[in-house]
Amino acid sequence: QERLEEQVVQLQAMCRSEAEASAALAAAAAAAAAQQQKDAIQQLASRLCADEEAQQQRERMFSEELRAAAEKMELAVSEERTKAKLAVQEAIVEQQQQQQQQQLQQQQ
């Protein structure tokens, strides 16, 4: 009888330790799953940050290209204005020279 009771106590202890082991295993599995989710979220966040940085870099490059194009256009417009002014001045000088020649011819 005593031996039987000892075996029952041992079996109960084994059952308790198996239940505890099972609970510990379940807790470890849950912790591992939570860690995997955390890692996945961190990877997604990292990719999002990288995508956002790449987008900002593309926008900066586009903005710099626009600025360079605007500067080129301003330079071209300035050059055209300068050419136009020179052409007007040359035309004025030519007209004055023609008038002077006409006056000289008239005086002769």
N, C-alpha and C. Protein backbone atom coordinates (compact mmCIF):
# COMPACT_ATOMS: atom_id res chain seq x y z
N GLN A 1 0.84 -1.19 0.00
CA GLN A 1 0.00 0.00 0.00
C GLN A 1 0.88 1.25 0.00
N GLU A 2 1.88 1.25 0.88
CA GLU A 2 2.76 2.41 0.95
C GLU A 2 3.50 2.60 -0.39
N ARG A 3 3.89 1.48 -0.89
CA ARG A 3 4.61 1.54 -2.17
C ARG A 3 3.70 2.07 -3.26
N LEU A 4 2.50 1.68 -3.25
CA LEU A 4 1.53 2.15 -4.22
C LEU A 4 1.33 3.66 -4.07
N GLU A 5 1.25 4.10 -2.85
CA GLU A 5 1.06 5.53 -2.60
C GLU A 5 2.30 6.31 -3.08
N GLU A 6 3.48 5.74 -2.86
CA GLU A 6 4.70 6.39 -3.35
C GLU A 6 4.69 6.51 -4.87
N GLN A 7 4.24 5.45 -5.50
CA GLN A 7 4.17 5.47 -6.97
C GLN A 7 3.15 6.51 -7.45
N VAL A 8 2.04 6.62 -6.75
CA VAL A 8 1.03 7.62 -7.10
C VAL A 8 1.62 9.02 -6.95
N VAL A 9 2.35 9.23 -5.83
CA VAL A 9 2.96 10.54 -5.60
C VAL A 9 3.98 10.83 -6.70
N GLN A 10 4.77 9.81 -7.05
CA GLN A 10 5.76 9.98 -8.11
C GLN A 10 5.08 10.27 -9.45
N LEU A 11 4.02 9.55 -9.73
CA LEU A 11 3.28 9.79 -10.98
C LEU A 11 2.68 11.20 -10.99
N GLN A 12 2.12 11.61 -9.84
CA GLN A 12 1.56 12.96 -9.78
C GLN A 12 2.66 14.02 -9.99
N ALA A 13 3.84 13.77 -9.38
CA ALA A 13 4.96 14.70 -9.55
C ALA A 13 5.40 14.74 -11.00
N MET A 14 5.44 13.56 -11.64
CA MET A 14 5.81 13.50 -13.05
C MET A 14 4.79 14.26 -13.91
N CYS A 15 3.52 14.06 -13.57
CA CYS A 15 2.48 14.77 -14.34
C CYS A 15 2.63 16.27 -14.17
N ARG A 16 2.89 16.70 -12.93
CA ARG A 16 3.07 18.13 -12.69
C ARG A 16 4.28 18.65 -13.47
N SER A 17 5.37 17.91 -13.41
CA SER A 17 6.57 18.38 -14.10
C SER A 17 6.37 18.34 -15.61
N GLU A 18 5.63 17.37 -16.12
CA GLU A 18 5.32 17.35 -17.55
C GLU A 18 4.43 18.53 -17.93
N ALA A 19 3.47 18.83 -17.07
CA ALA A 19 2.59 19.98 -17.33
C ALA A 19 3.39 21.27 -17.30
N GLU A 20 4.29 21.36 -16.32
CA GLU A 20 5.13 22.56 -16.23
C GLU A 20 6.06 22.65 -17.45
N ALA A 21 6.62 21.50 -17.84
CA ALA A 21 7.49 21.49 -19.01
C ALA A 21 6.69 21.87 -20.25
N SER A 22 5.48 21.34 -20.34
CA SER A 22 4.63 21.67 -21.49
C SER A 22 4.30 23.16 -21.50
N ALA A 23 4.00 23.70 -20.33
CA ALA A 23 3.70 25.14 -20.23
C ALA A 23 4.94 25.97 -20.58
N ALA A 24 6.10 25.53 -20.10
CA ALA A 24 7.34 26.25 -20.41
C ALA A 24 7.63 26.20 -21.90
N LEU A 25 7.38 25.02 -22.49
CA LEU A 25 7.59 24.87 -23.93
C LEU A 25 6.64 25.79 -24.71
N ALA A 26 5.39 25.85 -24.28
CA ALA A 26 4.42 26.73 -24.94
C ALA A 26 4.84 28.19 -24.78
N ALA A 27 5.33 28.56 -23.60
CA ALA A 27 5.78 29.94 -23.37
C ALA A 27 6.99 30.26 -24.25
N ALA A 28 7.91 29.29 -24.37
CA ALA A 28 9.09 29.51 -25.21
C ALA A 28 8.67 29.65 -26.67
N ALA A 29 7.71 28.84 -27.10
CA ALA A 29 7.23 28.93 -28.49
C ALA A 29 6.57 30.28 -28.74
N ALA A 30 5.78 30.73 -27.76
CA ALA A 30 5.12 32.03 -27.90
C ALA A 30 6.16 33.16 -27.95
N ALA A 31 7.20 33.04 -27.11
CA ALA A 31 8.26 34.06 -27.10
C ALA A 31 9.01 34.06 -28.44
N ALA A 32 9.25 32.87 -28.98
CA ALA A 32 9.93 32.79 -30.28
C ALA A 32 9.08 33.40 -31.38
N ALA A 33 7.78 33.12 -31.34
CA ALA A 33 6.87 33.69 -32.35
C ALA A 33 6.83 35.21 -32.23
N ALA A 34 6.80 35.68 -30.98
CA ALA A 34 6.78 37.14 -30.76
C ALA A 34 8.07 37.76 -31.27
N GLN A 35 9.20 37.10 -31.06
CA GLN A 35 10.48 37.61 -31.53
C GLN A 35 10.51 37.65 -33.06
N GLN A 36 9.97 36.59 -33.69
CA GLN A 36 9.92 36.56 -35.16
C GLN A 36 9.07 37.71 -35.69
N GLN A 37 7.94 37.96 -35.03
CA GLN A 37 7.08 39.08 -35.45
C GLN A 37 7.82 40.40 -35.28
N LYS A 38 8.51 40.54 -34.15
CA LYS A 38 9.27 41.77 -33.89
C LYS A 38 10.34 41.96 -34.97
N ASP A 39 11.07 40.88 -35.30
CA ASP A 39 12.10 40.95 -36.34
C ASP A 39 11.49 41.33 -37.68
N ALA A 40 10.35 40.72 -38.01
CA ALA A 40 9.69 41.02 -39.29
C ALA A 40 9.27 42.48 -39.34
N ILE A 41 8.75 42.99 -38.23
CA ILE A 41 8.32 44.39 -38.17
C ILE A 41 9.53 45.32 -38.32
N GLN A 42 10.64 44.95 -37.67
CA GLN A 42 11.84 45.77 -37.79
C GLN A 42 12.36 45.77 -39.23
N GLN A 43 12.30 44.63 -39.89
CA GLN A 43 12.75 44.56 -41.28
C GLN A 43 11.87 45.43 -42.17
N LEU A 44 10.55 45.35 -41.94
CA LEU A 44 9.63 46.19 -42.73
C LEU A 44 9.90 47.67 -42.49
N ALA A 45 10.08 48.02 -41.21
CA ALA A 45 10.36 49.42 -40.88
C ALA A 45 11.66 49.87 -41.54
N SER A 46 12.65 48.99 -41.53
CA SER A 46 13.93 49.33 -42.15
C SER A 46 13.77 49.53 -43.65
N ARG A 47 12.99 48.65 -44.29
CA ARG A 47 12.74 48.80 -45.74
C ARG A 47 11.99 50.08 -46.03
N LEU A 48 11.00 50.39 -45.19
CA LEU A 48 10.24 51.63 -45.40
C LEU A 48 11.14 52.85 -45.30
N CYS A 49 12.02 52.84 -44.28
CA CYS A 49 12.95 53.96 -44.12
C CYS A 49 13.86 54.07 -45.34
N ALA A 50 14.35 52.93 -45.80
CA ALA A 50 15.24 52.95 -46.98
C ALA A 50 14.48 53.46 -48.20
N ASP A 51 13.24 53.02 -48.38
CA ASP A 51 12.43 53.49 -49.50
C ASP A 51 12.20 54.99 -49.40
N GLU A 52 11.91 55.46 -48.19
CA GLU A 52 11.66 56.89 -48.01
C GLU A 52 12.92 57.70 -48.29
N GLU A 53 14.07 57.21 -47.81
CA GLU A 53 15.33 57.90 -48.08
C GLU A 53 15.62 57.93 -49.58
N ALA A 54 15.36 56.82 -50.26
CA ALA A 54 15.59 56.77 -51.71
C ALA A 54 14.67 57.76 -52.42
N GLN A 55 13.42 57.84 -51.98
CA GLN A 55 12.47 58.77 -52.58
C GLN A 55 12.93 60.21 -52.37
N GLN A 56 13.39 60.51 -51.15
CA GLN A 56 13.88 61.86 -50.87
C GLN A 56 15.10 62.19 -51.72
N GLN A 57 15.97 61.20 -51.90
CA GLN A 57 17.15 61.42 -52.73
C GLN A 57 16.74 61.68 -54.18
N ARG A 58 15.76 60.90 -54.68
CA ARG A 58 15.28 61.14 -56.06
C ARG A 58 14.69 62.54 -56.18
N GLU A 59 13.93 62.96 -55.17
CA GLU A 59 13.34 64.30 -55.20
C GLU A 59 14.42 65.37 -55.18
N ARG A 60 15.48 65.16 -54.37
CA ARG A 60 16.58 66.14 -54.33
C ARG A 60 17.27 66.21 -55.68
N MET A 61 17.52 65.05 -56.29
CA MET A 61 18.18 65.03 -57.60
C MET A 61 17.31 65.72 -58.63
N PHE A 62 16.00 65.44 -58.62
CA PHE A 62 15.09 66.07 -59.57
C PHE A 62 15.09 67.58 -59.36
N SER A 63 15.07 67.98 -58.09
CA SER A 63 15.07 69.41 -57.77
C SER A 63 16.37 70.07 -58.26
N GLU A 64 17.50 69.38 -58.06
CA GLU A 64 18.78 69.92 -58.53
C GLU A 64 18.80 70.00 -60.05
N GLU A 65 18.24 69.00 -60.72
CA GLU A 65 18.18 69.03 -62.18
C GLU A 65 17.31 70.19 -62.66
N LEU A 66 16.19 70.40 -61.98
CA LEU A 66 15.33 71.54 -62.34
C LEU A 66 16.05 72.86 -62.14
N ARG A 67 16.76 72.97 -61.01
CA ARG A 67 17.48 74.21 -60.72
C ARG A 67 18.55 74.45 -61.79
N ALA A 68 19.28 73.39 -62.16
CA ALA A 68 20.32 73.52 -63.19
C ALA A 68 19.71 73.92 -64.53
N ALA A 69 18.57 73.32 -64.86
CA ALA A 69 17.90 73.66 -66.12
C ALA A 69 17.44 75.11 -66.10
N ALA A 70 16.91 75.56 -64.97
CA ALA A 70 16.46 76.95 -64.85
C ALA A 70 17.64 77.91 -65.00
N GLU A 71 18.77 77.55 -64.38
CA GLU A 71 19.95 78.40 -64.50
C GLU A 71 20.44 78.47 -65.94
N LYS A 72 20.41 77.34 -66.65
CA LYS A 72 20.81 77.32 -68.06
C LYS A 72 19.87 78.21 -68.89
N MET A 73 18.58 78.12 -68.61
CA MET A 73 17.62 78.94 -69.35
C MET A 73 17.86 80.42 -69.07
N GLU A 74 18.11 80.76 -67.81
CA GLU A 74 18.38 82.16 -67.47
C GLU A 74 19.64 82.66 -68.18
N LEU A 75 20.66 81.81 -68.21
CA LEU A 75 21.89 82.18 -68.89
C LEU A 75 21.65 82.38 -70.39
N ALA A 76 20.87 81.48 -71.00
CA ALA A 76 20.57 81.61 -72.43
C ALA A 76 19.78 82.88 -72.70
N VAL A 77 18.81 83.18 -71.85
CA VAL A 77 18.02 84.41 -72.02
C VAL A 77 18.92 85.63 -71.89
N SER A 78 19.81 85.60 -70.91
CA SER A 78 20.74 86.73 -70.71
C SER A 78 21.63 86.90 -71.94
N GLU A 79 22.13 85.78 -72.47
CA GLU A 79 22.98 85.86 -73.67
C GLU A 79 22.20 86.43 -74.85
N GLU A 80 20.97 86.00 -75.01
CA GLU A 80 20.15 86.51 -76.12
C GLU A 80 19.89 88.01 -75.95
N ARG A 81 19.65 88.43 -74.71
CA ARG A 81 19.44 89.87 -74.47
C ARG A 81 20.71 90.65 -74.84
N THR A 82 21.84 90.12 -74.42
CA THR A 82 23.11 90.79 -74.72
C THR A 82 23.32 90.87 -76.23
N LYS A 83 23.05 89.76 -76.93
CA LYS A 83 23.18 89.76 -78.40
C LYS A 83 22.24 90.78 -79.02
N ALA A 84 21.02 90.84 -78.51
CA ALA A 84 20.04 91.78 -79.06
C ALA A 84 20.50 93.22 -78.83
N LYS A 85 21.02 93.51 -77.63
CA LYS A 85 21.52 94.86 -77.35
C LYS A 85 22.67 95.22 -78.28
N LEU A 86 23.60 94.27 -78.46
CA LEU A 86 24.72 94.52 -79.36
C LEU A 86 24.25 94.76 -80.79
N ALA A 87 23.26 93.99 -81.22
CA ALA A 87 22.74 94.16 -82.58
C ALA A 87 22.11 95.54 -82.72
N VAL A 88 21.38 95.97 -81.71
CA VAL A 88 20.77 97.30 -81.76
C VAL A 88 21.85 98.37 -81.80
N GLN A 89 22.87 98.22 -80.96
CA GLN A 89 23.96 99.21 -80.94
C GLN A 89 24.69 99.24 -82.28
N GLU A 90 24.92 98.08 -82.85
CA GLU A 90 25.58 98.03 -84.16
C GLU A 90 24.72 98.71 -85.22
N ALA A 91 23.43 98.47 -85.14
CA ALA A 91 22.52 99.09 -86.11
C ALA A 91 22.53 100.61 -85.95
N ILE A 92 22.58 101.08 -84.71
CA ILE A 92 22.61 102.52 -84.47
C ILE A 92 23.91 103.11 -85.01
N VAL A 93 25.02 102.42 -84.71
CA VAL A 93 26.31 102.91 -85.20
C VAL A 93 26.32 102.93 -86.72
N GLU A 94 25.83 101.88 -87.34
CA GLU A 94 25.79 101.81 -88.81
C GLU A 94 24.92 102.94 -89.37
N GLN A 95 23.79 103.19 -88.73
CA GLN A 95 22.90 104.25 -89.20
C GLN A 95 23.59 105.61 -89.06
N GLN A 96 24.28 105.81 -87.95
CA GLN A 96 24.98 107.08 -87.76
C GLN A 96 26.09 107.25 -88.81
N GLN A 97 26.78 106.15 -89.10
CA GLN A 97 27.84 106.24 -90.11
C GLN A 97 27.25 106.57 -91.47
N GLN A 98 26.11 105.97 -91.80
CA GLN A 98 25.45 106.26 -93.07
C GLN A 98 25.02 107.72 -93.12
N GLN A 99 24.50 108.23 -92.02
CA GLN A 99 24.07 109.63 -91.99
C GLN A 99 25.27 110.55 -92.16
N GLN A 100 26.37 110.19 -91.50
CA GLN A 100 27.56 111.01 -91.64
C GLN A 100 28.08 110.99 -93.08
N GLN A 101 28.04 109.85 -93.73
CA GLN A 101 28.49 109.76 -95.11
C GLN A 101 27.57 110.57 -96.02
N GLN A 102 26.27 110.51 -95.75
CA GLN A 102 25.34 111.28 -96.55
C GLN A 102 25.59 112.77 -96.37
N GLN A 103 25.87 113.16 -95.14
CA GLN A 103 26.13 114.56 -94.89
C GLN A 103 27.41 115.01 -95.59
N LEU A 104 28.42 114.15 -95.55
CA LEU A 104 29.67 114.48 -96.22
C LEU A 104 29.46 114.59 -97.72
N GLN A 105 28.68 113.68 -98.26
CA GLN A 105 28.41 113.71 -99.69
C GLN A 105 27.61 114.94 -100.07
N GLN A 106 26.71 115.31 -99.21
CA GLN A 106 25.91 116.49 -99.49
C GLN A 106 26.76 117.76 -99.42
N GLN A 107 27.74 117.75 -98.51
CA GLN A 107 28.60 118.93 -98.37
C GLN A 107 29.57 119.06 -99.54
N GLN A 108 29.88 117.94 -100.16
CA GLN A 108 30.83 118.00 -101.29
C GLN A 108 30.08 118.42 -102.49
